Amino acid sequence: MTPSSEDNLRAVSTARVLQAAPEAVFQAIADPTSLARWWGPAGFRTTFHRFEFREGGHWAHTMHGPDGSDYANECRFAQIVPHQRVVIAHLSAPRFQLTITLAPQDGGTRVHWHQAFEDAETCARLAPMCAPCNEQNLDRLAAVLAGRSP
């Protein structure tokens, strides 16, 4: 199925091949200790308040910015396909759905990060911030998978 032009106007996507097997990448998402090490853009740290990694499970966390600002987040795991896909519904504003797709590629894993907002206006307003922040998230994930500090 090809996304409509409206879908393209309300989404931010990025992809990268990481040098780890899909199972390892999936584990870095599924394990709250590992996920807390890399979740968020550069300079952020994350505190988890609730983490129920199952379909329909609740995830509440606070992202702490390098300037001392706190960002509360409420999410629900909408879909989990082990080693292939995790879909997260971000319930607090701004509302969006994040789909993380994992596929074997070049001896590693192609990670596709697709963030679909409720409307094109919200996406247009946030894309200039989200696009580089999503890349930084993947940088931090790559560091954790390589055994380095993010």
Protein backbone atom coordinates (compact mmCIF):
# COMPACT_ATOMS: atom_id res chain seq x y z
CA MET A 1 0.00 0.00 0.00
CA THR A 2 1.41 3.38 -1.00
CA PRO A 3 0.99 6.22 1.49
CA SER A 4 -1.25 9.06 0.36
CA SER A 5 0.09 12.58 -0.04
CA GLU A 6 -1.78 13.50 3.18
CA ASP A 7 0.13 10.73 5.00
CA ASN A 8 3.40 12.14 3.68
CA LEU A 9 2.47 15.64 4.87
CA ARG A 10 1.88 14.50 8.44
CA ALA A 11 4.88 12.22 8.94
CA VAL A 12 8.59 12.42 9.62
CA SER A 13 10.68 9.37 8.69
CA THR A 14 14.28 8.31 8.88
CA ALA A 15 16.09 5.05 8.32
CA ARG A 16 19.51 3.70 9.07
CA VAL A 17 21.36 0.37 8.97
CA LEU A 18 22.77 -0.48 12.39
CA GLN A 19 25.50 -3.04 12.89
CA ALA A 20 23.49 -5.41 15.07
CA ALA A 21 21.03 -8.23 14.45
CA PRO A 22 17.30 -7.46 14.53
CA GLU A 23 17.05 -9.48 17.77
CA ALA A 24 19.61 -7.21 19.47
CA VAL A 25 17.92 -4.04 18.25
CA PHE A 26 14.53 -5.33 19.39
CA GLN A 27 15.99 -6.18 22.81
CA ALA A 28 17.37 -2.63 23.11
CA ILE A 29 13.77 -1.44 22.71
CA ALA A 30 12.09 -4.12 24.85
CA ASP A 31 14.42 -3.87 27.86
CA PRO A 32 13.62 -0.76 29.94
CA THR A 33 17.16 -0.46 31.32
CA SER A 34 18.63 -0.48 27.82
CA LEU A 35 15.90 1.75 26.37
CA ALA A 36 16.41 4.36 29.10
CA ARG A 37 20.09 4.60 28.09
CA TRP A 38 19.35 5.74 24.54
CA TRP A 39 15.78 7.08 24.38
CA GLY A 40 15.72 10.78 23.56
CA PRO A 41 17.88 13.24 21.66
CA ALA A 42 21.50 14.03 22.50
CA GLY A 43 21.93 15.45 25.99
CA PHE A 44 18.62 14.08 27.28
CA ARG A 45 18.07 11.45 29.93
CA THR A 46 14.85 9.59 30.59
CA THR A 47 13.15 8.41 33.77
CA PHE A 48 10.62 5.61 33.39
CA HIS A 49 7.61 5.61 35.72
CA ARG A 50 5.76 2.68 34.13
CA PHE A 51 6.87 0.33 31.38
CA GLU A 52 4.57 -2.50 30.28
CA PHE A 53 6.15 -3.87 27.11
CA ARG A 54 3.17 -5.72 25.68
CA GLU A 55 0.47 -4.80 23.20
CA GLY A 56 -1.85 -2.39 24.96
CA GLY A 57 0.77 -1.82 27.67
CA HIS A 58 1.30 1.60 29.19
CA TRP A 59 4.58 3.52 29.10
CA ALA A 60 4.95 6.66 31.20
CA HIS A 61 8.27 8.47 31.21
CA THR A 62 9.82 11.88 31.71
CA MET A 63 12.48 13.16 29.36
CA HIS A 64 14.91 15.52 31.07
CA GLY A 65 16.45 18.09 28.74
CA PRO A 66 20.02 19.34 29.06
CA ASP A 67 18.62 22.76 30.07
CA GLY A 68 16.79 21.23 33.06
CA SER A 69 13.35 21.16 31.40
CA ASP A 70 11.19 18.09 31.98
CA TYR A 71 8.87 16.63 29.37
CA ALA A 72 6.21 14.19 30.61
CA ASN A 73 5.19 11.50 28.12
CA GLU A 74 2.29 9.05 28.16
CA CYS A 75 2.36 6.26 25.61
CA ARG A 76 0.74 2.94 24.78
CA PHE A 77 2.37 0.04 22.94
CA ALA A 78 -0.11 -0.41 20.08
CA GLN A 79 1.67 -3.27 18.32
CA ILE A 80 4.68 -5.45 19.05
CA VAL A 81 5.99 -7.97 16.53
CA PRO A 82 9.19 -9.44 18.03
CA HIS A 83 12.33 -8.59 16.05
CA GLN A 84 10.26 -6.79 13.37
CA ARG A 85 8.10 -3.89 14.57
CA VAL A 86 7.08 -1.78 17.55
CA VAL A 87 4.25 0.73 17.24
CA ILE A 88 3.93 3.32 19.99
CA ALA A 89 0.92 5.61 20.36
CA HIS A 90 2.09 8.86 21.97
CA LEU A 91 -0.99 9.87 23.96
CA SER A 92 0.21 13.18 25.40
CA ALA A 93 0.52 16.29 23.25
CA PRO A 94 1.67 16.34 20.57
CA ARG A 95 -0.17 13.15 19.66
CA PHE A 96 1.50 10.88 17.13
CA GLN A 97 2.14 7.26 16.29
CA LEU A 98 5.72 6.07 16.10
CA THR A 99 6.35 2.94 14.07
CA ILE A 100 9.81 1.39 14.43
CA THR A 101 10.38 -1.28 11.79
CA LEU A 102 13.36 -3.65 11.89
CA ALA A 103 14.58 -5.65 8.89
CA PRO A 104 17.82 -7.56 8.26
CA GLN A 105 20.10 -5.71 5.85
CA ASP A 106 23.81 -5.83 5.01
CA GLY A 107 24.64 -8.04 8.01
CA GLY A 108 22.86 -5.66 10.38
CA THR A 109 19.41 -4.19 10.81
CA ARG A 110 17.67 -1.49 8.83
CA VAL A 111 15.77 0.58 11.36
CA HIS A 112 12.94 2.63 9.87
CA TRP A 113 11.56 5.28 12.24
CA HIS A 114 8.19 6.69 11.10
CA GLN A 115 6.50 9.35 13.23
CA ALA A 116 2.95 10.13 12.02
CA PHE A 117 1.21 13.12 13.60
CA GLU A 118 -2.54 13.66 13.80
CA ASP A 119 -2.44 16.38 11.17
CA ALA A 120 -0.16 18.02 8.61
CA GLU A 121 -0.06 21.35 10.50
CA THR A 122 1.40 19.76 13.63
CA CYS A 123 3.91 17.86 11.54
CA ALA A 124 5.00 20.99 9.66
CA ARG A 125 5.49 22.84 12.95
CA LEU A 126 7.46 20.03 14.65
CA ALA A 127 9.36 18.42 11.75
CA PRO A 128 12.29 20.87 11.92
CA MET A 129 12.89 19.73 15.51
CA CYS A 130 11.81 16.07 15.21
CA ALA A 131 13.91 15.14 12.19
CA PRO A 132 17.30 15.89 13.80
CA CYS A 133 16.15 14.60 17.20
CA ASN A 134 15.09 11.29 15.66
CA GLU A 135 18.53 11.00 14.04
CA GLN A 136 20.11 11.66 17.45
CA ASN A 137 17.94 8.90 18.93
CA LEU A 138 19.33 6.50 16.33
CA ASP A 139 22.88 7.73 17.04
CA ARG A 140 22.36 6.91 20.71
CA LEU A 141 20.85 3.50 19.89
CA ALA A 142 23.84 2.68 17.67
CA ALA A 143 26.22 3.62 20.51
CA VAL A 144 24.40 1.37 23.01
CA LEU A 145 24.39 -1.53 20.53
CA ALA A 146 28.14 -1.04 20.00
CA GLY A 147 28.74 -1.10 23.75
CA ARG A 148 29.59 2.60 23.98
CA SER A 149 28.09 5.29 26.15
CA PRO A 150 25.44 7.24 24.23
